[in-house]
Amino acid sequence: MITQEDFDKFVRSYNTDYLYLLTRASSGSYDCLITSFSVLKDLYDVINKLHDTTHLEFRVVPHPLTFRGSDAFLNGLGFREEQVRLIYGFLEHVKQTQGKEFEECIEQGVPFKCAVAGYEHGST
């Protein structure tokens, strides 16, 4: 069984990965980012399942997967106005390359086309 300390480390690790992916988006580096967020969603689901089905508590709160319209949240993570604009640009990039909204892609968990430098590649 997982201990509370291990669970806390797991959530911290998820939050670190989440911040890393947002940092990539905030710099305009969108290449294969939807695939990375899809993997992160799987971790998010595991964290929530462990919380829901065990005695484990959220002493470290996992960041939410969606960040649409969350300027205050993004600012609270340390992102400046231009970085927030680029993060939202990632949402538009997803819609253009996947033909769906970010949240739809994440929820459906279907194979994604990895768009690199404006070119679509095979499923990733």
Protein backbone atom coordinates (compact mmCIF):
# COMPACT_ATOMS: atom_id res chain seq x y z
CA MET A 1 0.00 0.00 0.00
CA ILE A 2 1.17 3.52 -0.72
CA THR A 3 2.02 5.69 2.28
CA GLN A 4 0.82 9.25 2.77
CA GLU A 5 4.40 10.48 2.32
CA ASP A 6 4.74 8.61 -1.00
CA PHE A 7 1.38 9.99 -2.12
CA ASP A 8 2.48 13.53 -1.24
CA LYS A 9 5.69 13.01 -3.28
CA PHE A 10 3.64 11.67 -6.17
CA VAL A 11 1.37 14.73 -6.14
CA ARG A 12 4.40 17.06 -5.88
CA SER A 13 5.94 15.28 -8.86
CA TYR A 14 2.71 15.69 -10.84
CA ASN A 15 2.61 19.40 -9.96
CA THR A 16 6.24 19.79 -11.06
CA ASP A 17 5.51 18.09 -14.38
CA TYR A 18 2.38 20.21 -14.82
CA LEU A 19 4.36 23.40 -14.22
CA TYR A 20 7.03 22.22 -16.67
CA LEU A 21 4.41 21.67 -19.40
CA LEU A 22 2.87 25.08 -18.76
CA THR A 23 6.35 26.60 -18.88
CA ARG A 24 6.89 25.01 -22.29
CA ALA A 25 3.54 26.41 -23.47
CA SER A 26 4.38 29.83 -22.00
CA SER A 27 7.47 29.99 -24.19
CA GLY A 28 5.49 29.08 -27.32
CA SER A 29 7.01 25.58 -27.48
CA TYR A 30 3.89 23.62 -28.39
CA ASP A 31 5.54 20.67 -30.16
CA CYS A 32 3.92 17.41 -28.97
CA LEU A 33 2.63 19.15 -25.84
CA ILE A 34 -0.89 17.70 -26.14
CA THR A 35 0.60 14.21 -25.93
CA SER A 36 2.50 15.20 -22.80
CA PHE A 37 -0.66 16.62 -21.22
CA SER A 38 -2.47 13.37 -22.08
CA VAL A 39 0.13 11.38 -20.15
CA LEU A 40 -0.16 13.86 -17.30
CA LYS A 41 -3.94 13.38 -17.29
CA ASP A 42 -3.39 9.68 -16.67
CA LEU A 43 -1.28 10.56 -13.62
CA TYR A 44 -3.94 13.02 -12.49
CA ASP A 45 -6.57 10.29 -12.73
CA VAL A 46 -4.41 7.88 -10.69
CA ILE A 47 -3.90 10.53 -8.00
CA ASN A 48 -7.64 11.16 -7.75
CA LYS A 49 -8.46 7.45 -7.75
CA LEU A 50 -5.98 6.83 -4.93
CA HIS A 51 -7.49 9.71 -2.98
CA ASP A 52 -11.05 8.51 -3.57
CA THR A 53 -10.46 4.84 -2.75
CA THR A 54 -7.95 4.98 0.11
CA HIS A 55 -7.31 6.83 3.34
CA LEU A 56 -4.86 9.16 1.57
CA GLU A 57 -5.43 12.90 1.95
CA PHE A 58 -4.54 15.84 -0.23
CA ARG A 59 -1.92 17.46 1.97
CA VAL A 60 -0.45 18.62 -1.36
CA VAL A 61 -3.22 19.67 -3.75
CA PRO A 62 -2.77 18.65 -7.40
CA HIS A 63 -3.05 21.44 -9.95
CA PRO A 64 -6.19 21.22 -12.12
CA LEU A 65 -5.70 19.91 -15.63
CA THR A 66 -7.70 22.66 -17.26
CA PHE A 67 -6.36 26.20 -17.22
CA ARG A 68 -8.71 27.90 -19.66
CA GLY A 69 -9.76 31.33 -18.44
CA SER A 70 -7.64 31.01 -15.30
CA ASP A 71 -5.50 34.14 -15.48
CA ALA A 72 -5.40 34.47 -11.69
CA PHE A 73 -4.33 30.84 -11.31
CA LEU A 74 -1.62 31.18 -13.96
CA ASN A 75 -0.44 34.48 -12.45
CA GLY A 76 -0.31 32.75 -9.07
CA LEU A 77 2.06 30.18 -10.58
CA GLY A 78 4.34 33.04 -11.61
CA PHE A 79 3.43 33.47 -15.27
CA ARG A 80 3.43 37.00 -16.64
CA GLU A 81 0.91 38.47 -19.09
CA GLU A 82 2.84 37.51 -22.26
CA GLN A 83 3.41 33.99 -20.95
CA VAL A 84 -0.30 33.62 -20.17
CA ARG A 85 -1.09 34.78 -23.70
CA LEU A 86 1.19 32.06 -25.10
CA ILE A 87 -0.36 29.43 -22.81
CA TYR A 88 -3.77 30.35 -24.21
CA GLY A 89 -2.17 30.24 -27.66
CA PHE A 90 -1.50 26.57 -26.98
CA LEU A 91 -5.25 26.02 -26.60
CA GLU A 92 -5.79 27.54 -30.05
CA HIS A 93 -2.90 25.44 -31.42
CA VAL A 94 -4.63 22.30 -30.14
CA LYS A 95 -7.89 23.29 -31.82
CA GLN A 96 -6.12 23.95 -35.12
CA THR A 97 -4.01 20.78 -35.13
CA GLN A 98 -6.47 18.36 -33.52
CA GLY A 99 -9.80 19.83 -34.64
CA LYS A 100 -11.03 19.72 -31.02
CA GLU A 101 -10.76 21.71 -27.86
CA PHE A 102 -7.92 20.85 -25.44
CA GLU A 103 -10.33 19.50 -22.84
CA GLU A 104 -12.04 17.26 -25.41
CA CYS A 105 -8.70 15.82 -26.48
CA ILE A 106 -7.68 15.14 -22.91
CA GLU A 107 -11.01 13.56 -21.94
CA GLN A 108 -11.26 11.36 -25.03
CA GLY A 109 -7.74 10.03 -24.64
CA VAL A 110 -7.53 9.23 -28.34
CA PRO A 111 -4.24 9.08 -30.27
CA PHE A 112 -3.06 12.55 -31.17
CA LYS A 113 -1.31 13.93 -34.18
CA CYS A 114 1.89 15.51 -33.03
CA ALA A 115 2.23 18.87 -34.75
CA VAL A 116 5.83 20.02 -34.95
CA ALA A 117 6.81 23.38 -36.41
CA GLY A 118 3.49 23.67 -38.24
CA TYR A 119 3.62 20.21 -39.82
CA GLU A 120 1.40 17.35 -38.77
CA HIS A 121 3.12 14.07 -38.02
CA GLY A 122 1.66 10.64 -37.36
CA SER A 123 -0.13 9.73 -34.17
CA THR A 124 1.96 9.95 -31.03
